[in-house]
Amino acid sequence: MDGRKRSDITIGSNVKVVQKPHQKSGELTEGIVAKLLTKSANHPHGIKVMLEGGIVGRVKEVNDN
């Protein structure tokens, strides 16, 4: 799943995000969602989340657990 729909992402989801400084390179960081930061139902660039540990980025992949 991609990360453009808020309903696909819950707190505790295992996701891969792209952080702001890595947008050009597309480097992904994997982690567990601690907080959903985007309020809208969907976003064309991915829902913004905070991972456990404080990393903020836009979800590019939701890993099925």
C-alpha atoms as a PDB file:
ATOM      1  CA  MET A   1       0.000   0.000   0.000  1.00  0.00           C
ATOM      2  CA  ASP A   2       1.143   3.520  -0.624  1.00  0.00           C
ATOM      3  CA  GLY A   3       0.719   6.144   2.082  1.00  0.00           C
ATOM      4  CA  ARG A   4      -1.679   8.600   0.474  1.00  0.00           C
ATOM      5  CA  LYS A   5      -4.863   7.561   2.350  1.00  0.00           C
ATOM      6  CA  ARG A   6      -5.058   8.367   6.072  1.00  0.00           C
ATOM      7  CA  SER A   7      -7.442   5.443   6.634  1.00  0.00           C
ATOM      8  CA  ASP A   8      -4.679   2.976   5.596  1.00  0.00           C
ATOM      9  CA  ILE A   9      -2.373   4.162   8.407  1.00  0.00           C
ATOM     10  CA  THR A  10      -2.893   3.644  12.136  1.00  0.00           C
ATOM     11  CA  ILE A  11      -0.771   4.276  15.193  1.00  0.00           C
ATOM     12  CA  GLY A  12       1.475   1.235  15.512  1.00  0.00           C
ATOM     13  CA  SER A  13       1.640   0.635  11.737  1.00  0.00           C
ATOM     14  CA  ASN A  14       5.014  -0.384  10.301  1.00  0.00           C
ATOM     15  CA  VAL A  15       5.761   2.122   7.520  1.00  0.00           C
ATOM     16  CA  LYS A  16       8.525   3.553   5.346  1.00  0.00           C
ATOM     17  CA  VAL A  17       8.733   7.353   5.203  1.00  0.00           C
ATOM     18  CA  VAL A  18      10.777   9.911   3.301  1.00  0.00           C
ATOM     19  CA  GLN A  19      12.139  12.697   5.491  1.00  0.00           C
ATOM     20  CA  LYS A  20      12.256  16.290   4.202  1.00  0.00           C
ATOM     21  CA  PRO A  21      16.071  16.333   3.670  1.00  0.00           C
ATOM     22  CA  HIS A  22      15.876  13.047   1.715  1.00  0.00           C
ATOM     23  CA  GLN A  23      13.076  13.990  -0.702  1.00  0.00           C
ATOM     24  CA  LYS A  24      15.426  14.416  -3.681  1.00  0.00           C
ATOM     25  CA  SER A  25      17.298  11.152  -3.080  1.00  0.00           C
ATOM     26  CA  GLY A  26      14.135   9.249  -2.123  1.00  0.00           C
ATOM     27  CA  GLU A  27      15.901   7.570   0.826  1.00  0.00           C
ATOM     28  CA  LEU A  28      13.322   5.762   2.975  1.00  0.00           C
ATOM     29  CA  THR A  29      13.347   5.307   6.742  1.00  0.00           C
ATOM     30  CA  GLU A  30      11.409   2.417   8.291  1.00  0.00           C
ATOM     31  CA  GLY A  31       9.637   2.706  11.617  1.00  0.00           C
ATOM     32  CA  ILE A  32       6.488   2.451  13.713  1.00  0.00           C
ATOM     33  CA  VAL A  33       3.898   5.261  13.562  1.00  0.00           C
ATOM     34  CA  ALA A  34       3.582   7.124  16.866  1.00  0.00           C
ATOM     35  CA  LYS A  35       1.428  10.040  15.657  1.00  0.00           C
ATOM     36  CA  LEU A  36      -0.540  11.029  12.530  1.00  0.00           C
ATOM     37  CA  LEU A  37       0.221  14.653  11.629  1.00  0.00           C
ATOM     38  CA  THR A  38      -1.837  15.141   8.434  1.00  0.00           C
ATOM     39  CA  LYS A  39      -5.470  15.889   9.256  1.00  0.00           C
ATOM     40  CA  SER A  40      -6.972  15.474   5.761  1.00  0.00           C
ATOM     41  CA  ALA A  41      -8.306  12.107   4.537  1.00  0.00           C
ATOM     42  CA  ASN A  42      -5.657  11.893   1.820  1.00  0.00           C
ATOM     43  CA  HIS A  43      -2.595  13.737   0.540  1.00  0.00           C
ATOM     44  CA  PRO A  44      -0.960  13.416  -2.901  1.00  0.00           C
ATOM     45  CA  HIS A  45       2.590  13.242  -1.474  1.00  0.00           C
ATOM     46  CA  GLY A  46       1.790  10.913   1.437  1.00  0.00           C
ATOM     47  CA  ILE A  47       0.367  11.285   4.915  1.00  0.00           C
ATOM     48  CA  LYS A  48       2.797  13.019   7.287  1.00  0.00           C
ATOM     49  CA  VAL A  49       3.529  11.016  10.441  1.00  0.00           C
ATOM     50  CA  MET A  50       5.868  10.992  13.415  1.00  0.00           C
ATOM     51  CA  LEU A  51       7.629   7.701  14.025  1.00  0.00           C
ATOM     52  CA  GLU A  52       8.636   6.333  17.409  1.00  0.00           C
ATOM     53  CA  GLY A  53      11.907   8.140  18.100  1.00  0.00           C
ATOM     54  CA  GLY A  54      10.653  11.465  16.750  1.00  0.00           C
ATOM     55  CA  ILE A  55      11.418  11.135  13.009  1.00  0.00           C
ATOM     56  CA  VAL A  56       8.878  13.022  10.870  1.00  0.00           C
ATOM     57  CA  GLY A  57       8.201  12.183   7.256  1.00  0.00           C
ATOM     58  CA  ARG A  58       5.640  11.390   4.595  1.00  0.00           C
ATOM     59  CA  VAL A  59       4.529   7.754   4.272  1.00  0.00           C
ATOM     60  CA  LYS A  60       5.585   6.121   0.993  1.00  0.00           C
ATOM     61  CA  GLU A  61       4.861   2.484   1.919  1.00  0.00           C
ATOM     62  CA  VAL A  62       2.684   0.732   4.492  1.00  0.00           C
ATOM     63  CA  ASN A  63       4.127  -2.686   5.354  1.00  0.00           C
ATOM     64  CA  ASP A  64       1.583  -5.456   5.890  1.00  0.00           C
ATOM     65  CA  ASN A  65       1.967  -7.057   9.310  1.00  0.00           C
END
